[in-house]
């Protein structure tokens, strides 16, 4: 049973933002501190990535674990009420993400995801940026 009235739940859910979230701002600060330069929310790219690194052809999405169903994450819980509605919504989100990533790859971009739970630790965030930006550079120099 939901502790909130339907009106209050609706109001609360309407306050969930898709841009400039705290996780996204933490990612921006970390990227900038590493000397990476980026553009925000490019509407001309599929899915309007949160950060775009044109020099590296990387489209970075900062995904909320709950909304985008981060596997094996404790934040990816499922609501107890209206289960069919939420399952359908989550399935749609995941399928949409896959379609967006496929379209970006077709256009020559490399889509990457940093999960909300990965933004809590500065060390974990630094490792993610290392995985995203240093590994491909090493691979290119070996060829």
Protein backbone atom coordinates (compact mmCIF):
# COMPACT_ATOMS: atom_id res chain seq x y z
CA UNK A 1 0.00 0.00 0.00
CA UNK A 2 1.34 3.41 -0.98
CA UNK A 3 1.77 5.76 1.96
CA UNK A 4 1.02 8.77 -0.23
CA UNK A 5 -2.24 9.83 -1.79
CA UNK A 6 -2.41 9.53 -5.58
CA UNK A 7 -2.34 13.33 -5.87
CA UNK A 8 0.74 13.64 -3.67
CA UNK A 9 2.50 10.78 -5.50
CA UNK A 10 1.73 12.45 -8.84
CA UNK A 11 3.09 15.77 -7.60
CA UNK A 12 6.22 14.10 -6.23
CA UNK A 13 6.89 12.20 -9.46
CA UNK A 14 6.42 15.39 -11.50
CA UNK A 15 9.37 16.88 -9.62
CA UNK A 16 11.78 14.22 -10.93
CA UNK A 17 14.06 16.02 -13.34
CA UNK A 18 15.75 14.55 -16.39
CA UNK A 19 18.42 17.24 -16.73
CA UNK A 20 20.90 18.78 -14.31
CA UNK A 21 20.41 16.08 -11.70
CA UNK A 22 22.83 15.88 -8.78
CA UNK A 23 24.43 12.76 -10.30
CA UNK A 24 24.88 14.55 -13.63
CA UNK A 25 26.47 17.56 -11.94
CA UNK A 26 28.91 15.28 -10.07
CA UNK A 27 29.88 13.70 -13.41
CA UNK A 28 30.37 17.13 -15.01
CA UNK A 29 32.60 18.32 -12.18
CA UNK A 30 34.70 15.15 -12.34
CA UNK A 31 35.07 15.36 -16.13
CA UNK A 32 36.07 19.01 -15.95
CA UNK A 33 38.60 18.31 -13.17
CA UNK A 34 40.19 15.66 -15.42
CA UNK A 35 40.57 18.24 -18.18
CA UNK A 36 37.85 16.78 -20.36
CA UNK A 37 35.75 19.24 -22.30
CA UNK A 38 32.20 18.51 -23.29
CA UNK A 39 28.89 19.84 -24.53
CA UNK A 40 25.60 19.38 -22.70
CA UNK A 41 22.33 17.88 -23.91
CA UNK A 42 22.94 17.94 -27.66
CA UNK A 43 19.46 17.78 -29.13
CA UNK A 44 20.77 16.87 -32.58
CA UNK A 45 21.95 13.46 -31.27
CA UNK A 46 19.67 10.52 -30.56
CA UNK A 47 18.57 10.39 -26.95
CA UNK A 48 19.97 13.88 -26.17
CA UNK A 49 23.06 12.64 -24.28
CA UNK A 50 23.78 14.31 -20.96
CA UNK A 51 27.40 15.02 -21.89
CA UNK A 52 28.97 14.85 -25.35
CA UNK A 53 32.73 14.67 -25.85
CA UNK A 54 33.12 15.53 -29.57
CA UNK A 55 36.90 15.03 -29.62
CA UNK A 56 36.46 11.44 -28.46
CA UNK A 57 33.13 10.78 -30.23
CA UNK A 58 31.64 9.77 -26.88
CA UNK A 59 27.98 10.33 -25.98
CA UNK A 60 27.69 9.93 -22.21
CA UNK A 61 24.45 9.25 -20.40
CA UNK A 62 24.12 9.59 -16.62
CA UNK A 63 21.40 7.07 -15.90
CA UNK A 64 19.34 6.78 -12.77
CA UNK A 65 19.54 3.24 -11.46
CA UNK A 66 15.80 3.14 -10.70
CA UNK A 67 14.52 4.44 -14.05
CA UNK A 68 16.95 2.62 -16.31
CA UNK A 69 17.10 -0.65 -14.32
CA UNK A 70 20.75 -0.92 -13.33
CA UNK A 71 21.32 -4.67 -13.01
CA UNK A 72 22.11 -5.94 -9.51
CA UNK A 73 21.82 -2.45 -8.00
CA UNK A 74 19.93 -1.93 -4.77
CA UNK A 75 18.51 1.33 -6.17
CA UNK A 76 16.75 -0.53 -9.00
CA UNK A 77 13.83 -1.54 -6.83
CA UNK A 78 10.36 -2.13 -8.18
CA UNK A 79 7.29 -0.44 -6.74
CA UNK A 80 4.91 -2.73 -4.89
CA UNK A 81 1.75 -1.19 -6.36
CA UNK A 82 0.67 -1.04 -10.02
CA UNK A 83 3.26 -3.67 -10.90
CA UNK A 84 2.11 -4.15 -14.50
CA UNK A 85 2.29 -0.40 -15.17
CA UNK A 86 5.81 -0.11 -13.78
CA UNK A 87 7.06 -3.24 -15.54
CA UNK A 88 5.79 -1.87 -18.85
CA UNK A 89 7.36 1.53 -18.17
CA UNK A 90 10.74 0.07 -17.18
CA UNK A 91 10.76 -2.30 -20.18
CA UNK A 92 10.06 0.65 -22.47
CA UNK A 93 12.91 2.66 -20.92
CA UNK A 94 15.39 -0.19 -21.41
CA UNK A 95 14.28 -0.82 -25.01
CA UNK A 96 14.44 2.90 -25.78
CA UNK A 97 17.98 3.08 -24.37
CA UNK A 98 19.06 0.17 -26.58
CA UNK A 99 17.56 1.81 -29.68
CA UNK A 100 19.26 5.13 -28.90
CA UNK A 101 22.64 3.45 -28.38
CA UNK A 102 22.26 1.54 -31.64
CA UNK A 103 21.45 4.75 -33.54
CA UNK A 104 24.42 6.57 -31.99
CA UNK A 105 26.77 3.73 -32.96
CA UNK A 106 25.45 3.90 -36.53
CA UNK A 107 26.32 7.63 -36.56
CA UNK A 108 29.87 6.90 -35.38
CA UNK A 109 29.44 7.80 -31.72
CA UNK A 110 30.41 5.62 -28.77
CA UNK A 111 27.56 5.65 -26.23
CA UNK A 112 28.60 5.18 -22.61
CA UNK A 113 26.63 5.07 -19.37
CA UNK A 114 27.64 6.19 -15.91
CA UNK A 115 25.13 4.94 -13.38
CA UNK A 116 23.83 7.12 -10.58
CA UNK A 117 25.32 4.81 -7.93
CA UNK A 118 28.76 5.17 -9.56
CA UNK A 119 28.71 8.93 -8.99
CA UNK A 120 28.68 8.69 -5.19
CA UNK A 121 32.39 7.89 -4.94
CA UNK A 122 35.03 10.12 -6.51
CA UNK A 123 37.37 7.14 -6.89
CA UNK A 124 34.74 5.06 -8.66
CA UNK A 125 33.91 7.97 -10.96
CA UNK A 126 37.60 8.46 -11.80
CA UNK A 127 37.88 4.74 -12.64
CA UNK A 128 34.83 4.98 -14.92
CA UNK A 129 36.35 7.94 -16.78
CA UNK A 130 39.59 6.01 -17.07
CA UNK A 131 37.72 3.05 -18.54
CA UNK A 132 35.86 5.28 -20.98
CA UNK A 133 38.67 7.53 -22.20
CA UNK A 134 42.06 5.91 -21.57
CA UNK A 135 41.41 2.36 -22.71
CA UNK A 136 40.32 3.35 -26.26
CA UNK A 137 43.32 5.70 -26.57
CA UNK A 138 45.72 2.87 -25.62
CA UNK A 139 43.97 0.58 -28.09
CA UNK A 140 44.38 3.11 -30.92
CA UNK A 141 48.14 3.54 -30.28
CA UNK A 142 48.72 -0.23 -30.43
CA UNK A 143 47.22 -0.56 -33.90
